[in-house]
């Protein structure tokens, strides 16, 4: 009994600290720190970096706040556009990204009736040929739809909104603020690389203006 009480006490001490670590303010105020690479938890710094990359039109794919291949590809593509060769987030890349956009990266959003309306399906088959019998391709839950709407993983959506209901209209939640109204340069060519599983969008002078990871 004494052991259980001690463990419960430790849990009560540590849980609020870890929860606060990933609130909207922590992500919006995140600054470059080399120690992020050694941490296993979802990183406010990486969340912000992924959003800034997406705003700059260098998509890391689904934003999760964790390191991964798609994030490395996006960093490498952005670095290439800056005349630099690297796959790692360093201070130079961070400073350039941060200088391109000052808007908050996490904002409040109120879940609407339309978000809850669907339509939803119970399950999406794994194989393409088995999808032909579905009345439509849809999300399976409001939570999945909300995560997709704001370019984020379901795990990140849940982590930013601990204790909140993600299937209730009128609920105010924290979401990623990815979209910008920036005017894009004219597109001259699109390159699909099957081996690297990437899509590059090039301008008239051959400059790299957009990047996307892809399953080819």
Protein backbone atom coordinates (compact mmCIF):
# COMPACT_ATOMS: atom_id res chain seq x y z
CA UNK A 1 0.00 0.00 0.00
CA UNK A 2 2.84 2.39 0.85
CA UNK A 3 4.44 1.79 -2.56
CA UNK A 4 1.18 2.55 -4.34
CA UNK A 5 0.76 5.79 -2.42
CA UNK A 6 4.29 6.89 -3.26
CA UNK A 7 3.82 6.08 -6.96
CA UNK A 8 0.52 7.95 -7.01
CA UNK A 9 2.23 10.94 -5.47
CA UNK A 10 4.95 10.89 -8.10
CA UNK A 11 2.36 10.71 -10.85
CA UNK A 12 0.51 13.74 -9.52
CA UNK A 13 3.76 15.69 -9.37
CA UNK A 14 5.04 14.82 -12.85
CA UNK A 15 1.92 14.67 -15.01
CA UNK A 16 0.93 18.37 -14.93
CA UNK A 17 4.49 19.39 -15.82
CA UNK A 18 4.58 17.16 -18.90
CA UNK A 19 1.10 18.30 -19.94
CA UNK A 20 2.01 22.00 -19.65
CA UNK A 21 5.16 21.36 -21.69
CA UNK A 22 3.05 20.77 -24.78
CA UNK A 23 0.47 23.53 -24.56
CA UNK A 24 -0.05 26.14 -27.28
CA UNK A 25 2.16 28.70 -25.55
CA UNK A 26 5.10 26.29 -25.39
CA UNK A 27 4.88 25.66 -29.14
CA UNK A 28 4.36 29.31 -30.11
CA UNK A 29 7.32 30.43 -27.99
CA UNK A 30 9.65 27.56 -28.95
CA UNK A 31 13.19 28.64 -29.80
CA UNK A 32 16.08 26.66 -31.24
CA UNK A 33 17.87 24.43 -28.75
CA UNK A 34 20.27 21.67 -29.84
CA UNK A 35 19.03 19.42 -27.02
CA UNK A 36 15.76 18.75 -28.92
CA UNK A 37 17.48 15.99 -30.91
CA UNK A 38 18.04 13.86 -27.80
CA UNK A 39 14.44 14.00 -26.55
CA UNK A 40 11.96 11.21 -27.28
CA UNK A 41 8.74 13.07 -26.43
CA UNK A 42 6.77 15.18 -28.90
CA UNK A 43 8.85 18.34 -29.32
CA UNK A 44 7.34 21.87 -29.34
CA UNK A 45 10.40 22.92 -31.35
CA UNK A 46 9.79 20.29 -34.05
CA UNK A 47 6.07 21.12 -34.20
CA UNK A 48 6.93 24.75 -34.86
CA UNK A 49 9.63 23.83 -37.38
CA UNK A 50 7.24 21.56 -39.29
CA UNK A 51 4.59 24.29 -39.44
CA UNK A 52 7.11 26.88 -40.61
CA UNK A 53 8.37 24.48 -43.29
CA UNK A 54 4.80 23.89 -44.49
CA UNK A 55 4.16 27.64 -44.60
CA UNK A 56 7.29 28.03 -46.72
CA UNK A 57 5.83 25.38 -49.11
CA UNK A 58 8.25 22.63 -48.06
CA UNK A 59 5.86 20.07 -46.66
CA UNK A 60 6.99 17.59 -44.00
CA UNK A 61 3.79 15.61 -44.55
CA UNK A 62 1.65 14.90 -41.50
CA UNK A 63 2.88 17.11 -38.65
CA UNK A 64 3.66 15.04 -35.57
CA UNK A 65 6.31 16.89 -33.58
CA UNK A 66 8.64 13.92 -33.90
CA UNK A 67 11.72 13.34 -36.08
CA UNK A 68 11.24 11.26 -39.22
CA UNK A 69 12.14 10.67 -42.85
CA UNK A 70 9.59 13.10 -44.30
CA UNK A 71 10.77 15.89 -42.00
CA UNK A 72 14.37 15.23 -43.03
CA UNK A 73 13.35 15.42 -46.70
CA UNK A 74 11.57 18.74 -46.14
CA UNK A 75 14.57 20.20 -44.28
CA UNK A 76 16.93 19.01 -47.04
CA UNK A 77 14.70 20.55 -49.74
CA UNK A 78 14.40 23.85 -47.87
CA UNK A 79 18.16 23.90 -47.28
CA UNK A 80 18.71 23.22 -51.00
CA UNK A 81 16.57 26.25 -51.85
CA UNK A 82 18.81 28.29 -49.54
CA UNK A 83 21.97 26.99 -51.21
CA UNK A 84 22.87 24.68 -48.36
CA UNK A 85 23.25 20.89 -48.14
CA UNK A 86 21.90 19.39 -44.91
CA UNK A 87 19.11 17.14 -43.64
CA UNK A 88 19.33 18.38 -40.07
CA UNK A 89 17.57 21.25 -38.37
CA UNK A 90 20.32 23.61 -37.27
CA UNK A 91 20.28 27.19 -36.06
CA UNK A 92 20.84 28.65 -39.52
CA UNK A 93 17.87 26.77 -40.99
CA UNK A 94 15.74 27.61 -37.94
CA UNK A 95 16.57 31.33 -38.10
CA UNK A 96 15.68 31.46 -41.79
CA UNK A 97 12.35 29.69 -41.23
CA UNK A 98 11.49 31.88 -38.24
CA UNK A 99 12.26 35.04 -40.23
CA UNK A 100 9.73 34.10 -42.92
CA UNK A 101 6.62 34.02 -40.71
CA UNK A 102 5.69 35.65 -37.40
CA UNK A 103 2.08 34.46 -37.01
CA UNK A 104 1.28 32.08 -34.12
CA UNK A 105 1.75 28.46 -35.14
CA UNK A 106 -0.91 27.12 -32.75
CA UNK A 107 -4.30 28.84 -32.47
CA UNK A 108 -7.72 28.22 -30.96
CA UNK A 109 -10.48 26.63 -33.02
CA UNK A 110 -14.10 25.93 -32.11
CA UNK A 111 -15.40 22.57 -33.30
CA UNK A 112 -18.43 23.14 -35.53
CA UNK A 113 -21.57 21.13 -36.19
CA UNK A 114 -20.22 20.51 -39.72
CA UNK A 115 -17.08 18.91 -38.23
CA UNK A 116 -19.31 16.45 -36.38
CA UNK A 117 -21.69 15.77 -39.26
CA UNK A 118 -19.43 13.59 -41.34
CA UNK A 119 -20.31 11.41 -43.14
CA UNK A 120 -18.03 8.85 -41.49
CA UNK A 121 -17.36 5.20 -42.21
CA UNK A 122 -16.69 2.49 -39.67
CA UNK A 123 -13.49 1.25 -41.31
CA UNK A 124 -11.40 1.88 -44.42
CA UNK A 125 -10.08 -1.37 -45.99
CA UNK A 126 -6.31 -1.71 -46.25
CA UNK A 127 -6.39 -2.89 -49.88
CA UNK A 128 -7.40 -0.57 -52.71
CA UNK A 129 -9.52 -3.18 -54.52
CA UNK A 130 -11.65 -3.64 -51.41
CA UNK A 131 -12.52 0.06 -51.27
CA UNK A 132 -14.71 -0.12 -54.36
CA UNK A 133 -17.67 -1.31 -52.30
CA UNK A 134 -17.65 1.73 -50.01
CA UNK A 135 -20.38 4.33 -50.59
CA UNK A 136 -17.67 6.99 -50.22
CA UNK A 137 -14.15 7.42 -48.91
CA UNK A 138 -14.48 9.25 -45.62
CA UNK A 139 -12.90 9.58 -42.22
CA UNK A 140 -13.75 7.11 -39.49
CA UNK A 141 -14.14 9.62 -36.64
CA UNK A 142 -14.48 13.40 -36.07
CA UNK A 143 -11.08 13.29 -34.37
CA UNK A 144 -9.45 11.84 -37.49
CA UNK A 145 -11.17 14.45 -39.67
CA UNK A 146 -10.04 17.32 -37.43
CA UNK A 147 -6.46 16.07 -37.40
CA UNK A 148 -6.42 15.89 -41.20
CA UNK A 149 -8.07 19.31 -41.51
CA UNK A 150 -5.18 20.89 -39.63
CA UNK A 151 -2.38 18.77 -41.17
CA UNK A 152 -1.52 17.03 -37.88
CA UNK A 153 -1.38 13.53 -36.46
CA UNK A 154 -4.19 12.35 -34.20
CA UNK A 155 -1.60 11.81 -31.45
CA UNK A 156 -0.50 15.45 -31.66
CA UNK A 157 -4.10 16.70 -31.71
CA UNK A 158 -4.81 14.70 -28.55
CA UNK A 159 -1.57 15.80 -26.86
CA UNK A 160 -2.35 19.49 -27.43
CA UNK A 161 -5.88 19.04 -26.08
CA UNK A 162 -5.56 16.80 -23.03
CA UNK A 163 -8.83 16.51 -21.16
CA UNK A 164 -10.90 18.03 -23.99
CA UNK A 165 -13.58 16.27 -26.01
CA UNK A 166 -12.69 16.09 -29.69
CA UNK A 167 -16.16 14.95 -30.76
CA UNK A 168 -18.28 17.76 -29.35
CA UNK A 169 -19.47 20.82 -31.31
CA UNK A 170 -18.74 24.09 -29.50
CA UNK A 171 -15.58 22.76 -27.84
CA UNK A 172 -12.60 25.13 -28.16
CA UNK A 173 -9.40 23.27 -29.04
CA UNK A 174 -5.80 24.06 -29.97
CA UNK A 175 -4.91 23.37 -33.63
CA UNK A 176 -2.05 24.07 -36.02
CA UNK A 177 -2.05 27.29 -38.01
CA UNK A 178 -0.43 26.14 -41.25
CA UNK A 179 -2.21 28.00 -44.05
CA UNK A 180 -0.89 31.34 -45.31
CA UNK A 181 -2.13 33.81 -47.92
CA UNK A 182 1.29 34.20 -49.48
CA UNK A 183 1.30 34.50 -53.27
CA UNK A 184 3.19 31.65 -54.93
CA UNK A 185 5.61 32.16 -57.85
CA UNK A 186 4.68 30.87 -61.31
CA UNK A 187 5.30 27.17 -61.77
CA UNK A 188 7.39 26.01 -64.74
CA UNK A 189 7.97 22.33 -64.02
CA UNK A 190 7.04 19.54 -61.62
CA UNK A 191 9.53 16.73 -60.92
CA UNK A 192 8.42 13.39 -59.43
CA UNK A 193 11.27 11.27 -58.09
CA UNK A 194 10.12 7.68 -57.65
CA UNK A 195 13.31 6.50 -55.94
CA UNK A 196 13.36 9.30 -53.36
CA UNK A 197 9.54 9.48 -53.16
CA UNK A 198 9.44 13.25 -53.52
CA UNK A 199 7.68 15.87 -55.63
CA UNK A 200 9.49 19.12 -56.46
CA UNK A 201 7.87 22.21 -57.94
CA UNK A 202 10.28 24.45 -59.87
CA UNK A 203 10.01 28.04 -61.02
CA UNK A 204 10.91 29.59 -64.37
CA UNK A 205 14.59 29.92 -63.45
CA UNK A 206 14.77 26.37 -62.11
CA UNK A 207 14.46 27.51 -58.50
CA UNK A 208 12.83 25.13 -56.03
CA UNK A 209 9.62 26.79 -54.82
CA UNK A 210 7.63 23.88 -53.35
CA UNK A 211 8.33 20.40 -52.04
CA UNK A 212 6.18 17.44 -50.98
CA UNK A 213 6.92 13.92 -49.74
CA UNK A 214 4.98 11.35 -51.75
CA UNK A 215 4.15 7.67 -52.03
CA UNK A 216 4.90 6.85 -55.66
